[in-house]
């Protein structure tokens, strides 16, 4: 009887170890195979008034090696681009060059970008500032400015008297969002060129 019980315990112990090993293997990282490793990026550029800009020049630079992939770009389409993150430069005659980081993690990516008009003196950036009423008081208000086309954006804290300034923008079309904590309490679109002041009344729809 003792030997029989001992054998049963050994069998149960072996099965338990097998179950634990199987669980550990299944819970490990899964590696997907067969996914494409190269993709296509198509870029379209627009002016401040929303007109499409023809004959744009596009360059992609590998972030690690700083190698340019211009040879793989024809017009505004980059083909046979290895999956990864790149610095993209878009330029056109009469417009300022715009740079942004682009991640290619799928077979095809379409990118819209807005180019600001070139200014001879250069260096100046657009900003939007103003006041929000009623004053923030004990609330924590933020203003977030997001471009209508493309990606990016920036934000600024609203002071206790309701004043805010969002700077470092390119000329273009933007959505201005007022956030109270994580809730959006006001949304409005603006065409920003140079410096612009606004007054927002959160008590009105």
N, C-alpha and C. Protein backbone atom coordinates (compact mmCIF):
# COMPACT_ATOMS: atom_id res chain seq x y z
N UNK A 1 0.82 -1.21 0.00
CA UNK A 1 0.00 0.00 0.00
C UNK A 1 0.86 1.26 0.00
N UNK A 2 1.92 1.22 0.82
CA UNK A 2 2.81 2.38 0.89
C UNK A 2 3.44 2.68 -0.46
N UNK A 3 3.91 1.60 -1.15
CA UNK A 3 4.53 1.79 -2.47
C UNK A 3 3.52 2.33 -3.48
N UNK A 4 2.26 1.84 -3.39
CA UNK A 4 1.22 2.31 -4.32
C UNK A 4 0.96 3.80 -4.14
N UNK A 5 0.84 4.22 -2.86
CA UNK A 5 0.60 5.64 -2.59
C UNK A 5 1.78 6.48 -3.05
N UNK A 6 2.99 5.97 -2.80
CA UNK A 6 4.19 6.69 -3.22
C UNK A 6 4.23 6.86 -4.73
N UNK A 7 3.84 5.81 -5.47
CA UNK A 7 3.82 5.90 -6.93
C UNK A 7 2.81 6.90 -7.42
N UNK A 8 1.63 6.90 -6.77
CA UNK A 8 0.59 7.86 -7.16
C UNK A 8 1.07 9.29 -6.93
N UNK A 9 1.74 9.51 -5.78
CA UNK A 9 2.25 10.85 -5.48
C UNK A 9 3.29 11.29 -6.50
N UNK A 10 4.16 10.32 -6.91
CA UNK A 10 5.17 10.66 -7.91
C UNK A 10 4.51 11.04 -9.23
N UNK A 11 3.47 10.29 -9.61
CA UNK A 11 2.76 10.60 -10.86
C UNK A 11 2.09 11.98 -10.78
N UNK A 12 1.47 12.25 -9.63
CA UNK A 12 0.82 13.56 -9.47
C UNK A 12 1.85 14.69 -9.50
N UNK A 13 3.02 14.45 -8.88
CA UNK A 13 4.07 15.45 -8.88
C UNK A 13 4.58 15.72 -10.29
N UNK A 14 4.76 14.65 -11.07
CA UNK A 14 5.24 14.79 -12.45
C UNK A 14 4.22 15.55 -13.30
N UNK A 15 2.92 15.25 -13.12
CA UNK A 15 1.88 15.94 -13.89
C UNK A 15 1.82 17.42 -13.50
N UNK A 16 1.99 17.69 -12.20
CA UNK A 16 1.97 19.08 -11.73
C UNK A 16 3.11 19.88 -12.34
N UNK A 17 4.33 19.28 -12.37
CA UNK A 17 5.47 19.95 -12.98
C UNK A 17 5.24 20.20 -14.46
N UNK A 18 4.62 19.22 -15.13
CA UNK A 18 4.34 19.37 -16.56
C UNK A 18 3.36 20.52 -16.80
N UNK A 19 2.33 20.62 -15.93
CA UNK A 19 1.35 21.70 -16.07
C UNK A 19 2.00 23.06 -15.85
N UNK A 20 2.88 23.15 -14.82
CA UNK A 20 3.56 24.41 -14.54
C UNK A 20 4.46 24.80 -15.70
N UNK A 21 5.19 23.84 -16.26
CA UNK A 21 6.09 24.13 -17.38
C UNK A 21 5.31 24.61 -18.59
N UNK A 22 4.17 23.94 -18.86
CA UNK A 22 3.34 24.35 -20.00
C UNK A 22 2.81 25.76 -19.81
N UNK A 23 2.37 26.09 -18.57
CA UNK A 23 1.86 27.43 -18.29
C UNK A 23 2.93 28.49 -18.48
N UNK A 24 4.17 28.17 -18.03
CA UNK A 24 5.25 29.14 -18.18
C UNK A 24 5.58 29.37 -19.65
N UNK A 25 5.56 28.30 -20.43
CA UNK A 25 5.85 28.44 -21.86
C UNK A 25 4.78 29.28 -22.54
N UNK A 26 3.50 29.02 -22.19
CA UNK A 26 2.40 29.74 -22.83
C UNK A 26 2.36 31.21 -22.42
N UNK A 27 2.85 31.49 -21.20
CA UNK A 27 2.79 32.87 -20.73
C UNK A 27 3.97 33.70 -21.20
N UNK A 28 4.93 33.09 -21.89
CA UNK A 28 6.08 33.82 -22.39
C UNK A 28 5.70 34.73 -23.53
N UNK A 29 6.63 35.56 -23.97
CA UNK A 29 6.36 36.48 -25.06
C UNK A 29 6.14 35.73 -26.36
N UNK A 30 5.11 36.12 -27.08
CA UNK A 30 4.82 35.52 -28.38
C UNK A 30 5.51 36.34 -29.46
N UNK A 31 6.12 35.66 -30.40
CA UNK A 31 6.79 36.33 -31.51
C UNK A 31 5.99 36.08 -32.77
N UNK A 32 5.40 37.14 -33.32
CA UNK A 32 4.62 37.00 -34.54
C UNK A 32 5.56 36.93 -35.74
N UNK A 33 5.25 36.02 -36.62
CA UNK A 33 6.07 35.85 -37.82
C UNK A 33 5.21 36.11 -39.04
N UNK A 34 5.86 36.40 -40.15
CA UNK A 34 5.15 36.58 -41.40
C UNK A 34 4.67 37.99 -41.65
N UNK A 35 4.87 38.92 -40.70
CA UNK A 35 4.44 40.30 -40.93
C UNK A 35 5.40 41.00 -41.89
N UNK A 36 4.89 41.89 -42.74
CA UNK A 36 5.78 42.62 -43.65
C UNK A 36 6.71 43.53 -42.89
N UNK A 37 7.93 43.64 -43.34
CA UNK A 37 8.93 44.46 -42.67
C UNK A 37 9.19 45.78 -43.40
N UNK A 38 8.56 45.97 -44.52
CA UNK A 38 8.74 47.20 -45.29
C UNK A 38 7.39 47.81 -45.61
N UNK A 39 7.36 49.13 -45.68
CA UNK A 39 6.10 49.80 -45.93
C UNK A 39 6.25 50.99 -46.86
N UNK A 40 5.14 51.70 -47.03
CA UNK A 40 5.05 52.83 -47.96
C UNK A 40 4.51 54.04 -47.21
N UNK A 41 5.13 55.20 -47.45
CA UNK A 41 4.68 56.45 -46.83
C UNK A 41 4.32 57.45 -47.92
N UNK A 42 3.10 57.97 -47.86
CA UNK A 42 2.67 58.99 -48.81
C UNK A 42 2.40 60.29 -48.06
N UNK A 43 2.95 61.39 -48.55
CA UNK A 43 2.86 62.68 -47.87
C UNK A 43 2.08 63.67 -48.72
N UNK A 44 1.17 64.40 -48.10
CA UNK A 44 0.48 65.50 -48.78
C UNK A 44 0.63 66.75 -47.91
N UNK A 45 0.86 67.89 -48.55
CA UNK A 45 1.10 69.15 -47.83
C UNK A 45 0.05 70.17 -48.23
N UNK A 46 -0.30 71.04 -47.27
CA UNK A 46 -1.34 72.04 -47.49
C UNK A 46 -0.85 73.41 -47.01
N UNK A 47 -1.39 74.45 -47.61
CA UNK A 47 -1.06 75.82 -47.21
C UNK A 47 -1.94 76.22 -46.04
N UNK A 48 -1.72 77.45 -45.56
CA UNK A 48 -2.49 77.97 -44.43
C UNK A 48 -3.98 78.03 -44.74
N UNK A 49 -4.34 78.27 -46.00
CA UNK A 49 -5.76 78.37 -46.36
C UNK A 49 -6.34 77.04 -46.83
N UNK A 50 -5.56 75.97 -46.66
CA UNK A 50 -6.07 74.64 -46.96
C UNK A 50 -5.87 74.15 -48.37
N UNK A 51 -5.15 74.93 -49.21
CA UNK A 51 -4.91 74.48 -50.58
C UNK A 51 -3.76 73.47 -50.61
N UNK A 52 -3.91 72.44 -51.42
CA UNK A 52 -2.87 71.44 -51.53
C UNK A 52 -1.65 72.03 -52.25
N UNK A 53 -0.46 71.76 -51.72
CA UNK A 53 0.78 72.30 -52.29
C UNK A 53 1.40 71.24 -53.20
N UNK A 54 1.58 71.56 -54.49
CA UNK A 54 2.20 70.59 -55.40
C UNK A 54 3.73 70.65 -55.31
N UNK A 55 4.37 69.67 -55.90
CA UNK A 55 5.84 69.66 -56.04
C UNK A 55 6.57 69.84 -54.70
N UNK A 56 6.14 69.07 -53.72
CA UNK A 56 6.85 69.14 -52.44
C UNK A 56 8.06 68.21 -52.46
N UNK A 57 9.06 68.56 -51.67
CA UNK A 57 10.26 67.73 -51.52
C UNK A 57 10.21 67.05 -50.16
N UNK A 58 10.39 65.73 -50.16
CA UNK A 58 10.31 64.95 -48.93
C UNK A 58 11.62 64.22 -48.71
N UNK A 59 12.08 64.22 -47.47
CA UNK A 59 13.27 63.45 -47.11
C UNK A 59 12.99 62.70 -45.81
N UNK A 60 13.50 61.49 -45.71
CA UNK A 60 13.40 60.68 -44.50
C UNK A 60 14.80 60.39 -44.00
N UNK A 61 15.04 60.61 -42.72
CA UNK A 61 16.36 60.38 -42.14
C UNK A 61 16.23 59.36 -41.02
N UNK A 62 17.02 58.30 -41.08
CA UNK A 62 17.02 57.30 -40.01
C UNK A 62 17.52 57.96 -38.73
N UNK A 63 16.78 57.79 -37.64
CA UNK A 63 17.14 58.46 -36.40
C UNK A 63 18.45 57.94 -35.83
N UNK A 64 18.72 56.67 -36.02
CA UNK A 64 19.94 56.11 -35.45
C UNK A 64 21.19 56.45 -36.24
N UNK A 65 21.15 56.22 -37.55
CA UNK A 65 22.33 56.39 -38.40
C UNK A 65 22.40 57.77 -39.05
N UNK A 66 21.29 58.54 -39.01
CA UNK A 66 21.20 59.83 -39.69
C UNK A 66 21.33 59.69 -41.22
N UNK A 67 21.10 58.50 -41.73
CA UNK A 67 21.19 58.24 -43.16
C UNK A 67 19.92 58.73 -43.87
N UNK A 68 20.11 59.44 -44.98
CA UNK A 68 18.98 59.92 -45.77
C UNK A 68 18.48 58.81 -46.69
N UNK A 69 17.16 58.69 -46.80
CA UNK A 69 16.54 57.68 -47.68
C UNK A 69 15.91 58.34 -48.91
N UNK A 70 16.49 59.46 -49.35
CA UNK A 70 15.93 60.20 -50.47
C UNK A 70 15.85 59.36 -51.74
N UNK A 71 16.77 58.42 -51.90
CA UNK A 71 16.77 57.60 -53.11
C UNK A 71 15.54 56.71 -53.20
N UNK A 72 14.84 56.49 -52.08
CA UNK A 72 13.65 55.65 -52.09
C UNK A 72 12.37 56.47 -52.17
N UNK A 73 12.53 57.79 -52.36
CA UNK A 73 11.36 58.68 -52.39
C UNK A 73 11.18 59.22 -53.80
N UNK A 74 9.99 59.04 -54.34
CA UNK A 74 9.66 59.53 -55.68
C UNK A 74 8.45 60.45 -55.56
N UNK A 75 8.68 61.75 -55.82
CA UNK A 75 7.62 62.72 -55.59
C UNK A 75 7.36 62.83 -54.10
N UNK A 76 6.15 62.51 -53.70
CA UNK A 76 5.79 62.56 -52.28
C UNK A 76 5.51 61.17 -51.72
N UNK A 77 6.06 60.15 -52.38
CA UNK A 77 5.82 58.77 -51.96
C UNK A 77 7.15 58.07 -51.70
N UNK A 78 7.29 57.52 -50.50
CA UNK A 78 8.48 56.75 -50.14
C UNK A 78 8.10 55.27 -50.12
N UNK A 79 8.84 54.46 -50.86
CA UNK A 79 8.53 53.04 -50.95
C UNK A 79 9.68 52.20 -50.43
N UNK A 80 9.37 50.95 -50.08
CA UNK A 80 10.35 49.99 -49.57
C UNK A 80 11.11 50.55 -48.37
N UNK A 81 10.35 51.15 -47.44
CA UNK A 81 10.93 51.73 -46.23
C UNK A 81 10.81 50.72 -45.09
N UNK A 82 11.93 50.42 -44.45
CA UNK A 82 11.92 49.46 -43.35
C UNK A 82 11.13 50.01 -42.18
N UNK A 83 10.40 49.14 -41.50
CA UNK A 83 9.65 49.56 -40.32
C UNK A 83 10.57 50.24 -39.32
N UNK A 84 10.12 51.36 -38.75
CA UNK A 84 10.92 52.07 -37.76
C UNK A 84 10.46 53.51 -37.62
N UNK A 85 11.25 54.32 -36.94
CA UNK A 85 10.94 55.73 -36.72
C UNK A 85 11.95 56.60 -37.45
N UNK A 86 11.46 57.63 -38.13
CA UNK A 86 12.30 58.47 -38.98
C UNK A 86 12.00 59.94 -38.72
N UNK A 87 12.98 60.79 -39.04
CA UNK A 87 12.76 62.23 -39.06
C UNK A 87 12.39 62.62 -40.49
N UNK A 88 11.20 63.18 -40.67
CA UNK A 88 10.72 63.55 -41.99
C UNK A 88 10.85 65.06 -42.19
N UNK A 89 11.38 65.46 -43.36
CA UNK A 89 11.48 66.87 -43.72
C UNK A 89 10.66 67.10 -44.98
N UNK A 90 9.79 68.11 -44.91
CA UNK A 90 8.94 68.44 -46.05
C UNK A 90 9.15 69.91 -46.38
N UNK A 91 9.41 70.19 -47.66
CA UNK A 91 9.65 71.57 -48.07
C UNK A 91 9.04 71.81 -49.44
N UNK A 92 8.84 73.09 -49.74
CA UNK A 92 8.32 73.51 -51.05
C UNK A 92 8.70 74.96 -51.25
N UNK A 93 8.82 75.35 -52.50
CA UNK A 93 9.20 76.73 -52.82
C UNK A 93 8.18 77.71 -52.24
N UNK A 94 8.68 78.73 -51.52
CA UNK A 94 7.82 79.73 -50.92
C UNK A 94 7.30 79.38 -49.55
N UNK A 95 7.67 78.20 -49.04
CA UNK A 95 7.19 77.75 -47.73
C UNK A 95 8.37 77.34 -46.85
N UNK A 96 8.16 77.42 -45.53
CA UNK A 96 9.19 77.00 -44.61
C UNK A 96 9.23 75.47 -44.53
N UNK A 97 10.42 74.93 -44.34
CA UNK A 97 10.57 73.50 -44.17
C UNK A 97 10.03 73.08 -42.80
N UNK A 98 9.31 71.97 -42.79
CA UNK A 98 8.74 71.46 -41.55
C UNK A 98 9.32 70.06 -41.30
N UNK A 99 9.69 69.81 -40.06
CA UNK A 99 10.21 68.50 -39.66
C UNK A 99 9.31 67.88 -38.61
N UNK A 100 9.17 66.55 -38.67
CA UNK A 100 8.45 65.83 -37.63
C UNK A 100 8.89 64.38 -37.65
N UNK A 101 8.75 63.70 -36.53
CA UNK A 101 9.09 62.29 -36.45
C UNK A 101 7.92 61.45 -36.92
N UNK A 102 8.24 60.40 -37.69
CA UNK A 102 7.23 59.53 -38.27
C UNK A 102 7.56 58.09 -37.92
N UNK A 103 6.56 57.35 -37.45
CA UNK A 103 6.74 55.92 -37.17
C UNK A 103 6.02 55.11 -38.23
N UNK A 104 6.74 54.20 -38.87
CA UNK A 104 6.17 53.30 -39.88
C UNK A 104 6.08 51.92 -39.26
N UNK A 105 4.88 51.49 -38.94
CA UNK A 105 4.66 50.19 -38.29
C UNK A 105 3.55 49.40 -38.98
N UNK A 106 3.24 49.77 -40.22
CA UNK A 106 2.21 49.09 -41.00
C UNK A 106 2.54 49.25 -42.48
N UNK A 107 1.90 48.47 -43.34
CA UNK A 107 2.27 48.48 -44.76
C UNK A 107 2.15 49.84 -45.43
N UNK A 108 1.13 50.65 -45.08
CA UNK A 108 0.95 51.95 -45.73
C UNK A 108 0.59 53.01 -44.69
N UNK A 109 1.22 54.17 -44.81
CA UNK A 109 0.94 55.30 -43.92
C UNK A 109 0.75 56.55 -44.79
N UNK A 110 -0.35 57.27 -44.56
CA UNK A 110 -0.60 58.54 -45.25
C UNK A 110 -0.46 59.67 -44.23
N UNK A 111 0.27 60.72 -44.60
CA UNK A 111 0.56 61.81 -43.68
C UNK A 111 0.15 63.13 -44.31
N UNK A 112 -0.59 63.93 -43.57
CA UNK A 112 -0.94 65.29 -43.98
C UNK A 112 -0.14 66.26 -43.13
N UNK A 113 0.35 67.32 -43.77
CA UNK A 113 1.15 68.29 -43.03
C UNK A 113 0.87 69.68 -43.60
N UNK A 114 0.93 70.69 -42.75
CA UNK A 114 0.68 72.06 -43.18
C UNK A 114 2.00 72.83 -43.17
N UNK A 115 2.29 73.50 -44.28
CA UNK A 115 3.53 74.25 -44.41
C UNK A 115 3.26 75.74 -44.23
N UNK A 116 3.96 76.40 -43.31
CA UNK A 116 3.80 77.85 -43.16
C UNK A 116 4.52 78.60 -44.26
N UNK A 117 4.01 79.75 -44.59
CA UNK A 117 4.63 80.58 -45.63
C UNK A 117 6.00 81.04 -45.15
N UNK A 118 6.97 81.04 -46.06
CA UNK A 118 8.32 81.46 -45.72
C UNK A 118 8.35 82.96 -45.48
N UNK A 119 9.06 83.36 -44.42
CA UNK A 119 9.23 84.78 -44.09
C UNK A 119 10.71 85.09 -44.15
N UNK A 120 11.06 86.15 -44.87
CA UNK A 120 12.48 86.45 -45.08
C UNK A 120 13.25 86.64 -43.79
N UNK A 121 12.65 87.34 -42.80
CA UNK A 121 13.39 87.56 -41.57
C UNK A 121 13.53 86.27 -40.79
N UNK A 122 12.56 85.36 -40.94
CA UNK A 122 12.66 84.04 -40.32
C UNK A 122 12.71 84.11 -38.81
N UNK A 123 12.72 82.95 -38.20
CA UNK A 123 12.91 82.83 -36.76
C UNK A 123 11.67 83.06 -35.93
N UNK A 124 10.70 83.80 -36.44
CA UNK A 124 9.52 84.11 -35.64
C UNK A 124 8.54 82.95 -35.69
N UNK A 125 7.93 82.66 -34.56
CA UNK A 125 6.92 81.61 -34.51
C UNK A 125 5.60 82.21 -34.07
N UNK A 126 4.53 81.50 -34.38
CA UNK A 126 3.20 81.99 -34.04
C UNK A 126 2.86 81.64 -32.59
N UNK A 127 1.91 82.38 -32.04
CA UNK A 127 1.44 82.09 -30.70
C UNK A 127 -0.01 82.53 -30.56
N UNK A 128 -0.70 81.91 -29.62
CA UNK A 128 -2.06 82.32 -29.30
C UNK A 128 -2.12 82.53 -27.79
N UNK A 129 -2.67 83.66 -27.40
CA UNK A 129 -2.75 83.99 -25.98
C UNK A 129 -4.12 84.60 -25.71
N UNK A 130 -4.43 84.76 -24.44
CA UNK A 130 -5.71 85.37 -24.12
C UNK A 130 -6.13 85.11 -22.70
N UNK A 131 -7.43 85.19 -22.48
CA UNK A 131 -7.96 85.00 -21.13
C UNK A 131 -9.21 84.13 -21.19
N UNK A 132 -9.43 83.43 -20.09
CA UNK A 132 -10.59 82.56 -19.96
C UNK A 132 -11.42 83.06 -18.79
N UNK A 133 -12.69 83.25 -19.03
CA UNK A 133 -13.63 83.69 -17.97
C UNK A 133 -14.75 82.67 -17.85
N UNK A 134 -15.27 82.42 -16.67
CA UNK A 134 -14.80 82.98 -15.41
C UNK A 134 -13.41 82.47 -15.04
N UNK A 135 -12.69 83.25 -14.21
CA UNK A 135 -11.32 82.89 -13.83
C UNK A 135 -11.31 81.51 -13.19
N UNK A 136 -10.16 80.83 -13.35
CA UNK A 136 -10.08 79.42 -12.99
C UNK A 136 -10.33 79.14 -11.52
N UNK A 137 -10.00 80.08 -10.61
CA UNK A 137 -10.22 79.83 -9.20
C UNK A 137 -9.47 78.61 -8.71
N UNK A 138 -10.22 77.67 -8.13
CA UNK A 138 -9.58 76.45 -7.61
C UNK A 138 -9.47 75.36 -8.67
N UNK A 139 -10.01 75.58 -9.87
CA UNK A 139 -9.92 74.57 -10.91
C UNK A 139 -8.54 74.56 -11.55
N UNK A 140 -8.17 73.42 -12.11
CA UNK A 140 -6.89 73.30 -12.82
C UNK A 140 -7.21 73.23 -14.31
N UNK A 141 -7.08 74.38 -14.98
CA UNK A 141 -7.41 74.46 -16.39
C UNK A 141 -6.15 74.44 -17.25
N UNK A 142 -6.25 73.80 -18.40
CA UNK A 142 -5.17 73.76 -19.38
C UNK A 142 -5.75 74.11 -20.74
N UNK A 143 -4.92 74.75 -21.56
CA UNK A 143 -5.28 75.00 -22.96
C UNK A 143 -4.38 74.12 -23.82
N UNK A 144 -5.00 73.32 -24.68
CA UNK A 144 -4.25 72.45 -25.60
C UNK A 144 -4.54 72.89 -27.03
N UNK A 145 -3.50 73.09 -27.82
CA UNK A 145 -3.65 73.52 -29.21
C UNK A 145 -3.15 72.39 -30.11
N UNK A 146 -4.05 71.90 -30.98
CA UNK A 146 -3.76 70.74 -31.84
C UNK A 146 -3.96 71.12 -33.30
N UNK A 147 -3.00 70.84 -34.19
CA UNK A 147 -3.18 71.20 -35.60
C UNK A 147 -4.30 70.40 -36.25
N UNK A 148 -5.05 71.05 -37.14
CA UNK A 148 -6.13 70.37 -37.84
C UNK A 148 -5.56 69.28 -38.75
N UNK A 149 -4.44 69.59 -39.43
CA UNK A 149 -3.80 68.61 -40.30
C UNK A 149 -2.47 68.19 -39.70
N UNK A 150 -2.16 66.93 -39.84
CA UNK A 150 -0.91 66.43 -39.29
C UNK A 150 -1.05 66.09 -37.82
N UNK A 151 0.08 66.00 -37.13
CA UNK A 151 0.08 65.63 -35.72
C UNK A 151 0.88 66.65 -34.93
N UNK A 152 0.95 66.41 -33.64
CA UNK A 152 1.71 67.31 -32.78
C UNK A 152 0.78 68.15 -31.94
N UNK A 153 1.22 69.34 -31.62
CA UNK A 153 0.44 70.22 -30.77
C UNK A 153 1.18 70.51 -29.49
N UNK A 154 0.65 71.44 -28.72
CA UNK A 154 1.28 71.82 -27.46
C UNK A 154 0.20 72.31 -26.51
N UNK A 155 0.58 72.53 -25.25
CA UNK A 155 -0.40 72.95 -24.27
C UNK A 155 0.22 73.91 -23.28
N UNK A 156 -0.63 74.62 -22.53
CA UNK A 156 -0.16 75.57 -21.53
C UNK A 156 -1.15 75.60 -20.38
N UNK A 157 -0.62 75.83 -19.19
CA UNK A 157 -1.45 75.94 -18.00
C UNK A 157 -2.13 77.30 -17.96
N UNK A 158 -3.36 77.34 -17.48
CA UNK A 158 -4.11 78.59 -17.34
C UNK A 158 -3.88 79.11 -15.92
N UNK A 159 -3.44 80.36 -15.82
CA UNK A 159 -3.17 80.93 -14.51
C UNK A 159 -4.46 81.14 -13.72
N UNK A 160 -4.33 81.47 -12.44
CA UNK A 160 -5.50 81.64 -11.58
C UNK A 160 -6.38 82.80 -12.01
N UNK A 161 -5.80 83.78 -12.73
CA UNK A 161 -6.62 84.89 -13.22
C UNK A 161 -7.17 84.63 -14.63
N UNK A 162 -6.95 83.42 -15.15
CA UNK A 162 -7.52 83.03 -16.44
C UNK A 162 -6.66 83.29 -17.64
N UNK A 163 -5.43 83.78 -17.46
CA UNK A 163 -4.56 84.10 -18.60
C UNK A 163 -3.79 82.86 -19.06
N UNK A 164 -3.50 82.81 -20.37
CA UNK A 164 -2.71 81.71 -20.92
C UNK A 164 -1.94 82.20 -22.14
N UNK A 165 -0.85 81.51 -22.46
CA UNK A 165 -0.06 81.77 -23.67
C UNK A 165 0.43 80.43 -24.20
N UNK A 166 0.16 80.15 -25.48
CA UNK A 166 0.69 78.97 -26.15
C UNK A 166 1.55 79.46 -27.30
N UNK A 167 2.86 79.24 -27.22
CA UNK A 167 3.78 79.77 -28.23
C UNK A 167 4.52 78.63 -28.92
N UNK A 168 5.41 79.01 -29.84
CA UNK A 168 6.19 78.02 -30.58
C UNK A 168 5.40 77.29 -31.65
N UNK A 169 4.36 77.93 -32.17
CA UNK A 169 3.51 77.31 -33.19
C UNK A 169 3.94 77.76 -34.58
N UNK A 170 3.62 76.93 -35.58
CA UNK A 170 3.71 77.35 -36.97
C UNK A 170 2.37 77.96 -37.37
N UNK A 171 2.39 78.87 -38.34
CA UNK A 171 1.13 79.39 -38.86
C UNK A 171 0.29 78.24 -39.38
N UNK A 172 -1.00 78.28 -39.10
CA UNK A 172 -1.86 77.21 -39.60
C UNK A 172 -3.20 77.16 -38.89
N UNK A 173 -3.96 76.12 -39.21
CA UNK A 173 -5.29 75.91 -38.62
C UNK A 173 -5.16 74.99 -37.41
N UNK A 174 -5.80 75.39 -36.32
CA UNK A 174 -5.68 74.63 -35.07
C UNK A 174 -7.04 74.48 -34.39
N UNK A 175 -7.15 73.39 -33.60
CA UNK A 175 -8.24 73.26 -32.64
C UNK A 175 -7.70 73.69 -31.28
N UNK A 176 -8.44 74.56 -30.59
CA UNK A 176 -8.07 74.97 -29.25
C UNK A 176 -9.03 74.29 -28.28
N UNK A 177 -8.49 73.51 -27.37
CA UNK A 177 -9.28 72.78 -26.38
C UNK A 177 -8.97 73.33 -25.00
N UNK A 178 -10.01 73.55 -24.20
CA UNK A 178 -9.83 73.91 -22.80
C UNK A 178 -10.18 72.69 -21.96
N UNK A 179 -9.25 72.25 -21.13
CA UNK A 179 -9.45 71.07 -20.31
C UNK A 179 -9.53 71.46 -18.84
N UNK A 180 -10.53 70.92 -18.18
CA UNK A 180 -10.66 71.04 -16.72
C UNK A 180 -10.32 69.67 -16.17
N UNK A 181 -9.07 69.51 -15.72
CA UNK A 181 -8.59 68.17 -15.38
C UNK A 181 -8.44 67.37 -16.65
N UNK A 182 -9.22 66.28 -16.80
CA UNK A 182 -9.17 65.46 -18.02
C UNK A 182 -10.41 65.67 -18.88
N UNK A 183 -11.30 66.55 -18.46
CA UNK A 183 -12.54 66.78 -19.21
C UNK A 183 -12.39 67.99 -20.13
N UNK A 184 -12.83 67.85 -21.38
CA UNK A 184 -12.83 68.95 -22.33
C UNK A 184 -14.07 69.79 -22.09
N UNK A 185 -13.88 71.06 -21.75
CA UNK A 185 -15.02 71.93 -21.42
C UNK A 185 -15.26 72.99 -22.50
N UNK A 186 -14.35 73.10 -23.47
CA UNK A 186 -14.53 74.09 -24.54
C UNK A 186 -13.69 73.68 -25.74
N UNK A 187 -14.25 73.82 -26.93
CA UNK A 187 -13.52 73.52 -28.17
C UNK A 187 -13.83 74.60 -29.19
N UNK A 188 -12.78 75.05 -29.89
CA UNK A 188 -12.97 76.05 -30.94
C UNK A 188 -11.82 75.96 -31.92
N UNK A 189 -12.05 76.27 -33.18
CA UNK A 189 -11.00 76.24 -34.19
C UNK A 189 -10.53 77.66 -34.50
N UNK A 190 -9.22 77.78 -34.77
CA UNK A 190 -8.63 79.08 -35.08
C UNK A 190 -7.65 78.93 -36.24
N UNK A 191 -7.54 79.98 -37.03
CA UNK A 191 -6.47 80.08 -38.02
C UNK A 191 -5.44 81.05 -37.44
N UNK A 192 -4.29 80.51 -37.07
CA UNK A 192 -3.29 81.30 -36.37
C UNK A 192 -2.19 81.71 -37.33
N UNK A 193 -1.92 82.99 -37.37
CA UNK A 193 -0.83 83.55 -38.18
C UNK A 193 -0.19 84.66 -37.36
N UNK A 194 1.06 84.45 -36.96
CA UNK A 194 1.71 85.42 -36.09
C UNK A 194 1.16 85.31 -34.68
N UNK A 195 0.94 86.45 -34.03
CA UNK A 195 0.42 86.47 -32.67
C UNK A 195 -1.07 86.77 -32.69
N UNK A 196 -1.80 86.03 -31.90
CA UNK A 196 -3.25 86.21 -31.87
C UNK A 196 -3.74 86.15 -30.43
N UNK A 197 -4.65 87.07 -30.08
CA UNK A 197 -5.24 87.08 -28.75
C UNK A 197 -6.72 86.72 -28.85
N UNK A 198 -7.18 85.94 -27.88
CA UNK A 198 -8.58 85.52 -27.86
C UNK A 198 -9.13 85.68 -26.45
N UNK A 199 -10.43 85.73 -26.36
CA UNK A 199 -11.11 85.79 -25.07
C UNK A 199 -12.19 84.71 -25.08
N UNK A 200 -12.12 83.81 -24.11
CA UNK A 200 -13.05 82.69 -24.06
C UNK A 200 -13.92 82.79 -22.82
N UNK A 201 -15.23 82.64 -23.02
CA UNK A 201 -16.19 82.66 -21.91
C UNK A 201 -16.75 81.25 -21.77
N UNK A 202 -16.34 80.55 -20.71
CA UNK A 202 -16.80 79.17 -20.52
C UNK A 202 -18.25 79.11 -20.10
N UNK A 203 -18.83 80.25 -19.76
CA UNK A 203 -20.23 80.26 -19.37
C UNK A 203 -21.18 80.29 -20.56
N UNK A 204 -20.62 80.49 -21.76
CA UNK A 204 -21.46 80.53 -22.97
C UNK A 204 -21.24 79.28 -23.79
N UNK A 205 -22.26 78.78 -24.49
CA UNK A 205 -22.11 77.58 -25.32
C UNK A 205 -21.22 77.83 -26.53
